[in-house]
PDB file of N, CA and C in Angstrom:
ATOM      1  N   MET A   1     -13.330  16.202 -12.415  1.00  0.00           N
ATOM      2  CA  MET A   1     -12.132  15.661 -13.002  1.00  0.00           C
ATOM      3  C   MET A   1     -11.033  16.725 -13.022  1.00  0.00           C
ATOM      4  N   PHE A   2     -11.375  17.940 -13.418  1.00  0.00           N
ATOM      5  CA  PHE A   2     -10.395  19.004 -13.512  1.00  0.00           C
ATOM      6  C   PHE A   2     -10.430  19.935 -12.309  1.00  0.00           C
ATOM      7  N   GLY A   3     -11.124  19.560 -11.281  1.00  0.00           N
ATOM      8  CA  GLY A   3     -11.173  20.378 -10.074  1.00  0.00           C
ATOM      9  C   GLY A   3     -12.024  21.614 -10.283  1.00  0.00           C
ATOM     10  N   SER A   4     -11.411  22.783 -10.116  1.00  0.00           N
ATOM     11  CA  SER A   4     -12.172  24.024 -10.212  1.00  0.00           C
ATOM     12  C   SER A   4     -12.199  24.600 -11.625  1.00  0.00           C
ATOM     13  N   LEU A   5     -11.675  23.869 -12.609  1.00  0.00           N
ATOM     14  CA  LEU A   5     -11.712  24.354 -13.987  1.00  0.00           C
ATOM     15  C   LEU A   5     -13.101  24.127 -14.573  1.00  0.00           C
ATOM     16  N   GLY A   6     -13.669  25.202 -15.083  1.00  0.00           N
ATOM     17  CA  GLY A   6     -14.979  25.098 -15.722  1.00  0.00           C
ATOM     18  C   GLY A   6     -14.828  25.053 -17.231  1.00  0.00           C
ATOM     19  N   MET A   7     -15.947  25.055 -17.916  1.00  0.00           N
ATOM     20  CA  MET A   7     -15.926  24.987 -19.370  1.00  0.00           C
ATOM     21  C   MET A   7     -15.254  26.213 -19.997  1.00  0.00           C
ATOM     22  N   PRO A   8     -15.526  27.431 -19.538  1.00  0.00           N
ATOM     23  CA  PRO A   8     -14.851  28.587 -20.155  1.00  0.00           C
ATOM     24  C   PRO A   8     -13.323  28.523 -20.017  1.00  0.00           C
ATOM     25  N   GLU A   9     -12.826  28.074 -18.856  1.00  0.00           N
ATOM     26  CA  GLU A   9     -11.382  27.977 -18.656  1.00  0.00           C
ATOM     27  C   GLU A   9     -10.766  26.939 -19.578  1.00  0.00           C
ATOM     28  N   LEU A  10     -11.454  25.805 -19.749  1.00  0.00           N
ATOM     29  CA  LEU A  10     -10.949  24.762 -20.641  1.00  0.00           C
ATOM     30  C   LEU A  10     -10.906  25.245 -22.083  1.00  0.00           C
ATOM     31  N   ILE A  11     -11.902  26.017 -22.505  1.00  0.00           N
ATOM     32  CA  ILE A  11     -11.919  26.542 -23.875  1.00  0.00           C
ATOM     33  C   ILE A  11     -10.754  27.501 -24.075  1.00  0.00           C
ATOM     34  N   VAL A  12     -10.494  28.350 -23.100  1.00  0.00           N
ATOM     35  CA  VAL A  12      -9.374  29.290 -23.212  1.00  0.00           C
ATOM     36  C   VAL A  12      -8.060  28.525 -23.301  1.00  0.00           C
ATOM     37  N   ILE A  13      -7.881  27.513 -22.461  1.00  0.00           N
ATOM     38  CA  ILE A  13      -6.657  26.701 -22.490  1.00  0.00           C
ATOM     39  C   ILE A  13      -6.509  26.014 -23.835  1.00  0.00           C
ATOM     40  N   PHE A  14      -7.599  25.476 -24.381  1.00  0.00           N
ATOM     41  CA  PHE A  14      -7.554  24.797 -25.675  1.00  0.00           C
ATOM     42  C   PHE A  14      -7.197  25.774 -26.791  1.00  0.00           C
ATOM     43  N   VAL A  15      -7.766  26.955 -26.773  1.00  0.00           N
ATOM     44  CA  VAL A  15      -7.476  27.952 -27.808  1.00  0.00           C
ATOM     45  C   VAL A  15      -6.009  28.380 -27.736  1.00  0.00           C
ATOM     46  N   ILE A  16      -5.495  28.598 -26.539  1.00  0.00           N
ATOM     47  CA  ILE A  16      -4.087  28.982 -26.385  1.00  0.00           C
ATOM     48  C   ILE A  16      -3.179  27.862 -26.887  1.00  0.00           C
ATOM     49  N   ALA A  17      -3.506  26.618 -26.518  1.00  0.00           N
ATOM     50  CA  ALA A  17      -2.708  25.481 -26.985  1.00  0.00           C
ATOM     51  C   ALA A  17      -2.777  25.370 -28.509  1.00  0.00           C
ATOM     52  N   LEU A  18      -3.938  25.620 -29.077  1.00  0.00           N
ATOM     53  CA  LEU A  18      -4.100  25.566 -30.533  1.00  0.00           C
ATOM     54  C   LEU A  18      -3.256  26.638 -31.205  1.00  0.00           C
ATOM     55  N   ILE A  19      -3.210  27.828 -30.631  1.00  0.00           N
ATOM     56  CA  ILE A  19      -2.409  28.916 -31.200  1.00  0.00           C
ATOM     57  C   ILE A  19      -0.921  28.604 -31.082  1.00  0.00           C
ATOM     58  N   ILE A  20      -0.511  28.096 -29.929  1.00  0.00           N
ATOM     59  CA  ILE A  20       0.915  27.840 -29.687  1.00  0.00           C
ATOM     60  C   ILE A  20       1.422  26.665 -30.517  1.00  0.00           C
ATOM     61  N   PHE A  21       0.707  25.546 -30.493  1.00  0.00           N
ATOM     62  CA  PHE A  21       1.214  24.327 -31.113  1.00  0.00           C
ATOM     63  C   PHE A  21       0.680  24.083 -32.520  1.00  0.00           C
ATOM     64  N   GLY A  22      -0.420  24.657 -32.879  1.00  0.00           N
ATOM     65  CA  GLY A  22      -0.988  24.460 -34.208  1.00  0.00           C
ATOM     66  C   GLY A  22      -1.873  23.234 -34.253  1.00  0.00           C
ATOM     67  N   PRO A  23      -2.732  23.178 -35.267  1.00  0.00           N
ATOM     68  CA  PRO A  23      -3.701  22.072 -35.342  1.00  0.00           C
ATOM     69  C   PRO A  23      -3.073  20.715 -35.664  1.00  0.00           C
ATOM     70  N   ARG A  24      -1.904  20.705 -36.270  1.00  0.00           N
ATOM     71  CA  ARG A  24      -1.279  19.410 -36.615  1.00  0.00           C
ATOM     72  C   ARG A  24      -0.585  18.768 -35.422  1.00  0.00           C
ATOM     73  N   LYS A  25      -0.020  19.590 -34.578  1.00  0.00           N
ATOM     74  CA  LYS A  25       0.751  19.074 -33.446  1.00  0.00           C
ATOM     75  C   LYS A  25      -0.139  18.757 -32.241  1.00  0.00           C
ATOM     76  N   LEU A  26      -1.314  19.360 -32.155  1.00  0.00           N
ATOM     77  CA  LEU A  26      -2.181  19.211 -30.987  1.00  0.00           C
ATOM     78  C   LEU A  26      -2.629  17.773 -30.734  1.00  0.00           C
ATOM     79  N   PRO A  27      -3.066  17.002 -31.752  1.00  0.00           N
ATOM     80  CA  PRO A  27      -3.448  15.597 -31.476  1.00  0.00           C
ATOM     81  C   PRO A  27      -2.285  14.753 -30.946  1.00  0.00           C
ATOM     82  N   GLU A  28      -1.100  15.015 -31.481  1.00  0.00           N
ATOM     83  CA  GLU A  28       0.078  14.277 -31.008  1.00  0.00           C
ATOM     84  C   GLU A  28       0.367  14.607 -29.543  1.00  0.00           C
ATOM     85  N   LEU A  29       0.250  15.863 -29.183  1.00  0.00           N
ATOM     86  CA  LEU A  29       0.452  16.264 -27.788  1.00  0.00           C
ATOM     87  C   LEU A  29      -0.608  15.639 -26.882  1.00  0.00           C
ATOM     88  N   GLY A  30      -1.839  15.584 -27.360  1.00  0.00           N
ATOM     89  CA  GLY A  30      -2.910  14.955 -26.585  1.00  0.00           C
ATOM     90  C   GLY A  30      -2.644  13.481 -26.324  1.00  0.00           C
ATOM     91  N   ARG A  31      -2.183  12.786 -27.369  1.00  0.00           N
ATOM     92  CA  ARG A  31      -1.863  11.358 -27.204  1.00  0.00           C
ATOM     93  C   ARG A  31      -0.717  11.157 -26.216  1.00  0.00           C
ATOM     94  N   SER A  32       0.328  11.968 -26.357  1.00  0.00           N
ATOM     95  CA  SER A  32       1.465  11.800 -25.448  1.00  0.00           C
ATOM     96  C   SER A  32       1.073  12.161 -24.009  1.00  0.00           C
ATOM     97  N   LEU A  33       0.222  13.169 -23.858  1.00  0.00           N
ATOM     98  CA  LEU A  33      -0.264  13.510 -22.520  1.00  0.00           C
ATOM     99  C   LEU A  33      -1.100  12.363 -21.938  1.00  0.00           C
ATOM    100  N   GLY A  34      -1.954  11.780 -22.764  1.00  0.00           N
ATOM    101  CA  GLY A  34      -2.763  10.640 -22.312  1.00  0.00           C
ATOM    102  C   GLY A  34      -1.906   9.454 -21.908  1.00  0.00           C
ATOM    103  N   LYS A  35      -0.870   9.169 -22.708  1.00  0.00           N
ATOM    104  CA  LYS A  35       0.035   8.063 -22.373  1.00  0.00           C
ATOM    105  C   LYS A  35       0.780   8.338 -21.075  1.00  0.00           C
ATOM    106  N   SER A  36       1.185   9.588 -20.894  1.00  0.00           N
ATOM    107  CA  SER A  36       1.899   9.951 -19.663  1.00  0.00           C
ATOM    108  C   SER A  36       1.010   9.789 -18.439  1.00  0.00           C
ATOM    109  N   ILE A  37      -0.221  10.227 -18.557  1.00  0.00           N
ATOM    110  CA  ILE A  37      -1.160  10.096 -17.434  1.00  0.00           C
ATOM    111  C   ILE A  37      -1.434   8.626 -17.132  1.00  0.00           C
ATOM    112  N   ALA A  38      -1.609   7.817 -18.179  1.00  0.00           N
ATOM    113  CA  ALA A  38      -1.851   6.386 -17.974  1.00  0.00           C
ATOM    114  C   ALA A  38      -0.651   5.720 -17.312  1.00  0.00           C
ATOM    115  N   GLU A  39       0.560   6.079 -17.737  1.00  0.00           N
ATOM    116  CA  GLU A  39       1.766   5.508 -17.138  1.00  0.00           C
ATOM    117  C   GLU A  39       1.898   5.921 -15.672  1.00  0.00           C
ATOM    118  N   PHE A  40       1.576   7.175 -15.375  1.00  0.00           N
ATOM    119  CA  PHE A  40       1.628   7.648 -13.996  1.00  0.00           C
ATOM    120  C   PHE A  40       0.632   6.893 -13.129  1.00  0.00           C
ATOM    121  N   LYS A  41      -0.582   6.695 -13.638  1.00  0.00           N
ATOM    122  CA  LYS A  41      -1.590   5.952 -12.877  1.00  0.00           C
ATOM    123  C   LYS A  41      -1.145   4.523 -12.638  1.00  0.00           C
ATOM    124  N   ARG A  42      -0.559   3.890 -13.656  1.00  0.00           N
ATOM    125  CA  ARG A  42      -0.092   2.516 -13.512  1.00  0.00           C
ATOM    126  C   ARG A  42       1.009   2.430 -12.464  1.00  0.00           C
ATOM    127  N   ALA A  43       1.946   3.358 -12.524  1.00  0.00           N
ATOM    128  CA  ALA A  43       3.050   3.348 -11.564  1.00  0.00           C
ATOM    129  C   ALA A  43       2.552   3.619 -10.145  1.00  0.00           C
ATOM    130  N   SER A  44       1.620   4.543  -9.999  1.00  0.00           N
ATOM    131  CA  SER A  44       1.119   4.837  -8.654  1.00  0.00           C
ATOM    132  C   SER A  44       0.294   3.670  -8.110  1.00  0.00           C
ATOM    133  N   ASN A  45      -0.466   2.999  -8.965  1.00  0.00           N
ATOM    134  CA  ASN A  45      -1.208   1.815  -8.521  1.00  0.00           C
ATOM    135  C   ASN A  45      -0.262   0.688  -8.132  1.00  0.00           C
ATOM    136  N   GLU A  46       0.819   0.536  -8.883  1.00  0.00           N
ATOM    137  CA  GLU A  46       1.808  -0.494  -8.562  1.00  0.00           C
ATOM    138  C   GLU A  46       2.483  -0.190  -7.228  1.00  0.00           C
ATOM    139  N   LEU A  47       2.815   1.077  -7.013  1.00  0.00           N
ATOM    140  CA  LEU A  47       3.419   1.471  -5.746  1.00  0.00           C
ATOM    141  C   LEU A  47       2.461   1.233  -4.589  1.00  0.00           C
ATOM    142  N   LYS A  48       1.201   1.581  -4.791  1.00  0.00           N
ATOM    143  CA  LYS A  48       0.192   1.371  -3.749  1.00  0.00           C
ATOM    144  C   LYS A  48       0.055  -0.117  -3.426  1.00  0.00           C
ATOM    145  N   SER A  49       0.014  -0.948  -4.453  1.00  0.00           N
ATOM    146  CA  SER A  49      -0.100  -2.396  -4.235  1.00  0.00           C
ATOM    147  C   SER A  49       1.115  -2.932  -3.487  1.00  0.00           C
ATOM    148  N   THR A  50       2.282  -2.461  -3.862  1.00  0.00           N
ATOM    149  CA  THR A  50       3.506  -2.910  -3.200  1.00  0.00           C
ATOM    150  C   THR A  50       3.498  -2.514  -1.726  1.00  0.00           C
ATOM    151  N   LEU A  51       3.109  -1.277  -1.447  1.00  0.00           N
ATOM    152  CA  LEU A  51       3.062  -0.831  -0.055  1.00  0.00           C
ATOM    153  C   LEU A  51       2.039  -1.625   0.753  1.00  0.00           C
ATOM    154  N   GLU A  52       0.874  -1.872   0.174  1.00  0.00           N
ATOM    155  CA  GLU A  52      -0.148  -2.654   0.879  1.00  0.00           C
ATOM    156  C   GLU A  52       0.339  -4.073   1.151  1.00  0.00           C
ATOM    157  N   GLU A  53       1.050  -4.661   0.185  1.00  0.00           N
ATOM    158  CA  GLU A  53       1.589  -6.009   0.369  1.00  0.00           C
ATOM    159  C   GLU A  53       2.635  -6.027   1.480  1.00  0.00           C
ATOM    160  N   GLU A  54       3.509  -5.015   1.504  1.00  0.00           N
ATOM    161  CA  GLU A  54       4.524  -4.935   2.560  1.00  0.00           C
ATOM    162  C   GLU A  54       3.883  -4.767   3.932  1.00  0.00           C
ATOM    163  N   ILE A  55       2.862  -3.946   4.012  1.00  0.00           N
ATOM    164  CA  ILE A  55       2.160  -3.754   5.285  1.00  0.00           C
ATOM    165  C   ILE A  55       1.508  -5.053   5.730  1.00  0.00           C
ATOM    166  N   ARG A  56       0.878  -5.763   4.791  1.00  0.00           N
ATOM    167  CA  ARG A  56       0.228  -7.031   5.115  1.00  0.00           C
ATOM    168  C   ARG A  56       1.259  -8.055   5.603  1.00  0.00           C
ATOM    169  N   LEU A  57       2.405  -8.128   4.928  1.00  0.00           N
ATOM    170  CA  LEU A  57       3.443  -9.074   5.345  1.00  0.00           C
ATOM    171  C   LEU A  57       3.992  -8.716   6.728  1.00  0.00           C
ATOM    172  N   GLU A  58       4.154  -7.417   6.988  1.00  0.00           N
ATOM    173  CA  GLU A  58       4.646  -6.985   8.303  1.00  0.00           C
ATOM    174  C   GLU A  58       3.641  -7.340   9.400  1.00  0.00           C
ATOM    175  N   GLU A  59       2.353  -7.172   9.123  1.00  0.00           N
ATOM    176  CA  GLU A  59       1.327  -7.536  10.107  1.00  0.00           C
ATOM    177  C   GLU A  59       1.328  -9.037  10.356  1.00  0.00           C
ATOM    178  N   GLN A  60       1.492  -9.830   9.296  1.00  0.00           N
ATOM    179  CA  GLN A  60       1.560 -11.282   9.480  1.00  0.00           C
ATOM    180  C   GLN A  60       2.774 -11.670  10.306  1.00  0.00           C
ATOM    181  N   LYS A  61       3.889 -10.993  10.062  1.00  0.00           N
ATOM    182  CA  LYS A  61       5.111 -11.282  10.814  1.00  0.00           C
ATOM    183  C   LYS A  61       4.906 -10.963  12.296  1.00  0.00           C
ATOM    184  N   GLN A  62       4.266  -9.840  12.591  1.00  0.00           N
ATOM    185  CA  GLN A  62       3.997  -9.478  13.982  1.00  0.00           C
ATOM    186  C   GLN A  62       3.076 -10.493  14.642  1.00  0.00           C
ATOM    187  N   LYS A  63       2.029 -10.930  13.942  1.00  0.00           N
ATOM    188  CA  LYS A  63       1.113 -11.919  14.494  1.00  0.00           C
ATOM    189  C   LYS A  63       1.842 -13.230  14.755  1.00  0.00           C
ATOM    190  N   GLN A  64       2.734 -13.603  13.837  1.00  0.00           N
ATOM    191  CA  GLN A  64       3.492 -14.843  14.010  1.00  0.00           C
ATOM    192  C   GLN A  64       4.396 -14.742  15.233  1.00  0.00           C
ATOM    193  N   GLU A  65       5.047 -13.590  15.410  1.00  0.00           N
ATOM    194  CA  GLU A  65       5.912 -13.398  16.572  1.00  0.00           C
ATOM    195  C   GLU A  65       5.108 -13.430  17.865  1.00  0.00           C
ATOM    196  N   GLU A  66       3.934 -12.817  17.859  1.00  0.00           N
ATOM    197  CA  GLU A  66       3.080 -12.838  19.051  1.00  0.00           C
ATOM    198  C   GLU A  66       2.631 -14.259  19.372  1.00  0.00           C
ATOM    199  N   ALA A  67       2.289 -15.018  18.329  1.00  0.00           N
ATOM    200  CA  ALA A  67       1.868 -16.407  18.544  1.00  0.00           C
ATOM    201  C   ALA A  67       3.029 -17.233  19.090  1.00  0.00           C
ATOM    202  N   THR A  68       4.220 -17.012  18.577  1.00  0.00           N
ATOM    203  CA  THR A  68       5.397 -17.740  19.055  1.00  0.00           C
ATOM    204  C   THR A  68       5.664 -17.410  20.520  1.00  0.00           C
ATOM    205  N   LYS A  69       5.551 -16.127  20.868  1.00  0.00           N
ATOM    206  CA  LYS A  69       5.759 -15.731  22.271  1.00  0.00           C
ATOM    207  C   LYS A  69       4.698 -16.346  23.176  1.00  0.00           C
ATOM    208  N   ALA A  70       3.470 -16.421  22.702  1.00  0.00           N
ATOM    209  CA  ALA A  70       2.397 -17.010  23.505  1.00  0.00           C
ATOM    210  C   ALA A  70       2.648 -18.503  23.714  1.00  0.00           C
ATOM    211  N   VAL A  71       3.110 -19.189  22.683  1.00  0.00           N
ATOM    212  CA  VAL A  71       3.402 -20.621  22.799  1.00  0.00           C
ATOM    213  C   VAL A  71       4.565 -20.831  23.767  1.00  0.00           C
ATOM    214  N   GLN A  72       5.586 -19.984  23.659  1.00  0.00           N
ATOM    215  CA  GLN A  72       6.726 -20.115  24.568  1.00  0.00           C
ATOM    216  C   GLN A  72       6.307 -19.852  26.012  1.00  0.00           C
ATOM    217  N   ALA A  73       5.466 -18.842  26.218  1.00  0.00           N
ATOM    218  CA  ALA A  73       4.992 -18.543  27.573  1.00  0.00           C
ATOM    219  C   ALA A  73       4.163 -19.698  28.118  1.00  0.00           C
ATOM    220  N   ALA A  74       3.335 -20.292  27.268  1.00  0.00           N
ATOM    221  CA  ALA A  74       2.530 -21.433  27.700  1.00  0.00           C
ATOM    222  C   ALA A  74       3.425 -22.623  28.043  1.00  0.00           C
ATOM    223  N   ALA A  75       4.474 -22.827  27.275  1.00  0.00           N
ATOM    224  CA  ALA A  75       5.396 -23.933  27.546  1.00  0.00           C
ATOM    225  C   ALA A  75       6.124 -23.702  28.861  1.00  0.00           C
ATOM    226  N   ILE A  76       6.529 -22.466  29.116  1.00  0.00           N
ATOM    227  CA  ILE A  76       7.208 -22.155  30.382  1.00  0.00           C
ATOM    228  C   ILE A  76       6.258 -22.361  31.554  1.00  0.00           C
ATOM    229  N   ASP A  77       5.013 -21.917  31.416  1.00  0.00           N
ATOM    230  CA  ASP A  77       4.024 -22.113  32.477  1.00  0.00           C
ATOM    231  C   ASP A  77       3.769 -23.597  32.722  1.00  0.00           C
ATOM    232  N   ALA A  78       3.683 -24.359  31.633  1.00  0.00           N
ATOM    233  CA  ALA A  78       3.459 -25.798  31.778  1.00  0.00           C
ATOM    234  C   ALA A  78       4.647 -26.452  32.475  1.00  0.00           C
ATOM    235  N   GLN A  79       5.841 -26.015  32.123  1.00  0.00           N
ATOM    236  CA  GLN A  79       7.035 -26.584  32.745  1.00  0.00           C
ATOM    237  C   GLN A  79       7.069 -26.232  34.236  1.00  0.00           C
ATOM    238  N   ARG A  80       6.702 -25.032  34.577  1.00  0.00           N
ATOM    239  CA  ARG A  80       6.675 -24.635  35.980  1.00  0.00           C
ATOM    240  C   ARG A  80       5.627 -25.433  36.746  1.00  0.00           C
ATOM    241  N   SER A  81       4.491 -25.680  36.101  1.00  0.00           N
ATOM    242  CA  SER A  81       3.446 -26.477  36.746  1.00  0.00           C
ATOM    243  C   SER A  81       3.938 -27.900  36.992  1.00  0.00           C
ATOM    244  N   ASP A  82       4.625 -28.457  35.996  1.00  0.00           N
ATOM    245  CA  ASP A  82       5.159 -29.811  36.154  1.00  0.00           C
ATOM    246  C   ASP A  82       6.207 -29.857  37.264  1.00  0.00           C
ATOM    247  N   ASP A  83       7.071 -28.817  37.303  1.00  0.00           N
ATOM    248  CA  ASP A  83       8.087 -28.762  38.353  1.00  0.00           C
ATOM    249  C   ASP A  83       7.443 -28.647  39.729  1.00  0.00           C
ATOM    250  N   SER A  84       6.399 -27.852  39.847  1.00  0.00           N
ATOM    251  CA  SER A  84       5.687 -27.698  41.120  1.00  0.00           C
ATOM    252  C   SER A  84       5.029 -29.005  41.523  1.00  0.00           C
ATOM    253  N   ALA A  85       4.432 -29.695  40.555  1.00  0.00           N
ATOM    254  CA  ALA A  85       3.811 -30.980  40.855  1.00  0.00           C
ATOM    255  C   ALA A  85       4.846 -31.995  41.270  1.00  0.00           C
ATOM    256  N   HIS A  86       5.999 -32.006  40.630  1.00  0.00           N
ATOM    257  CA  HIS A  86       7.089 -32.919  40.976  1.00  0.00           C
ATOM    258  C   HIS A  86       7.584 -32.657  42.396  1.00  0.00           C
ATOM    259  N   LYS A  87       7.737 -31.413  42.745  1.00  0.00           N
ATOM    260  CA  LYS A  87       8.198 -31.077  44.093  1.00  0.00           C
ATOM    261  C   LYS A  87       7.152 -31.477  45.130  1.00  0.00           C
ATOM    262  N   ALA A  88       5.885 -31.314  44.787  1.00  0.00           N
ATOM    263  CA  ALA A  88       4.819 -31.694  45.720  1.00  0.00           C
ATOM    264  C   ALA A  88       4.815 -33.200  45.923  1.00  0.00           C
ATOM    265  N   ASP A  89       5.072 -33.974  44.830  1.00  0.00           N
ATOM    266  CA  ASP A  89       5.110 -35.419  44.957  1.00  0.00           C
ATOM    267  C   ASP A  89       6.307 -35.866  45.806  1.00  0.00           C
ATOM    268  N   LYS A  90       7.415 -35.191  45.695  1.00  0.00           N
ATOM    269  CA  LYS A  90       8.614 -35.571  46.443  1.00  0.00           C
ATOM    270  C   LYS A  90       8.442 -35.299  47.931  1.00  0.00           C
ATOM    271  N   THR A  91       7.747 -34.226  48.273  1.00  0.00           N
ATOM    272  CA  THR A  91       7.557 -33.869  49.686  1.00  0.00           C
ATOM    273  C   THR A  91       6.490 -34.720  50.326  1.00  0.00           C
ATOM    274  N   ALA A  92       5.615 -35.287  49.525  1.00  0.00           N
ATOM    275  CA  ALA A  92       4.517 -36.072  50.096  1.00  0.00           C
ATOM    276  C   ALA A  92       4.882 -37.476  50.396  1.00  0.00           C
TER     277      ALA A  92
END
């Protein structure tokens, strides 16, 4: 959770914080730190969700464009086939 911080380092940090802020202010600082971390996590999760949604919508848009191009190409091929058949009927 704290990376490379071990128990001795955490105790030293806690003692320094206790000396600097005092025993009355320390719980309040802990609560505000906890709220800040929770808010940061919420905001980062929201950003991640938004980005994933945008990526998903962009992929759907690309697939839709590819499908539209495929349908148009098929329609052009069908029209060319019909034109070729019409010309063959006229010459026969």
